[in-house]
């Protein structure tokens, strides 16, 4: 991976991170799973605390939306 690609990925993740903040209520796209944003893992996936099951699951940014 080139430096240019790394910078593009970083800027994309940063703009997406600005959009969703820790503590925001989220929904998994295509499902009726609602939960809370707990932060990010080391590869940039969102830690999602499911409201119903109380389990933490990790999703890519494009898999969730803010409610």
Protein backbone atom coordinates (compact mmCIF):
# COMPACT_ATOMS: atom_id res chain seq x y z
CA UNK A 1 0.00 0.00 0.00
CA UNK A 2 1.42 3.35 -1.01
CA UNK A 3 1.60 6.40 1.23
CA UNK A 4 -1.01 8.12 -0.93
CA UNK A 5 -3.45 5.24 -0.37
CA UNK A 6 -2.77 5.28 3.39
CA UNK A 7 -3.47 9.02 3.56
CA UNK A 8 -6.71 8.60 1.57
CA UNK A 9 -7.87 5.83 3.94
CA UNK A 10 -6.95 7.92 7.00
CA UNK A 11 -8.83 10.98 5.71
CA UNK A 12 -11.87 8.85 4.85
CA UNK A 13 -11.89 7.30 8.31
CA UNK A 14 -11.41 10.72 9.91
CA UNK A 15 -14.36 12.26 8.04
CA UNK A 16 -16.52 9.27 8.94
CA UNK A 17 -15.39 9.45 12.55
CA UNK A 18 -16.40 13.11 12.71
CA UNK A 19 -19.88 12.13 11.60
CA UNK A 20 -20.53 9.52 14.34
CA UNK A 21 -19.43 10.16 17.89
CA UNK A 22 -19.02 7.83 20.85
CA UNK A 23 -22.35 7.53 22.62
CA UNK A 24 -24.48 8.08 19.51
CA UNK A 25 -27.40 5.72 18.91
CA UNK A 26 -26.89 3.62 15.78
CA UNK A 27 -28.81 1.16 13.62
CA UNK A 28 -27.33 -1.65 11.57
CA UNK A 29 -28.35 -1.02 7.96
CA UNK A 30 -30.78 -3.63 6.66
CA UNK A 31 -31.69 -4.84 10.15
CA UNK A 32 -33.63 -3.62 13.16
CA UNK A 33 -30.60 -3.85 15.44
CA UNK A 34 -30.19 -0.71 17.51
CA UNK A 35 -27.35 0.08 19.83
CA UNK A 36 -24.78 2.52 21.08
CA UNK A 37 -21.44 3.50 19.60
CA UNK A 38 -18.67 2.59 22.05
CA UNK A 39 -15.60 3.57 20.03
CA UNK A 40 -13.31 1.99 17.43
CA UNK A 41 -11.09 -1.06 17.33
CA UNK A 42 -7.51 -1.02 16.06
CA UNK A 43 -8.55 -1.40 12.39
CA UNK A 44 -11.27 1.26 12.44
CA UNK A 45 -14.41 -0.82 12.92
CA UNK A 46 -17.15 0.57 15.15
CA UNK A 47 -17.75 -1.13 18.50
CA UNK A 48 -21.54 -1.49 18.69
CA UNK A 49 -23.33 -2.32 21.95
CA UNK A 50 -26.60 -4.06 21.02
CA UNK A 51 -29.51 -2.68 23.08
CA UNK A 52 -31.36 -5.99 23.17
CA UNK A 53 -28.62 -8.55 23.75
CA UNK A 54 -26.09 -6.32 25.54
CA UNK A 55 -23.34 -7.82 23.36
CA UNK A 56 -20.55 -5.88 21.67
CA UNK A 57 -20.20 -6.44 17.92
CA UNK A 58 -17.86 -4.73 15.47
CA UNK A 59 -19.12 -3.23 12.20
CA UNK A 60 -17.54 -1.31 9.33
CA UNK A 61 -18.67 2.31 9.08
CA UNK A 62 -20.77 1.68 5.97
CA UNK A 63 -22.77 -1.01 7.81
CA UNK A 64 -24.32 1.38 10.37
CA UNK A 65 -26.20 4.64 10.37
CA UNK A 66 -26.94 7.24 13.02
CA UNK A 67 -30.53 7.33 14.31
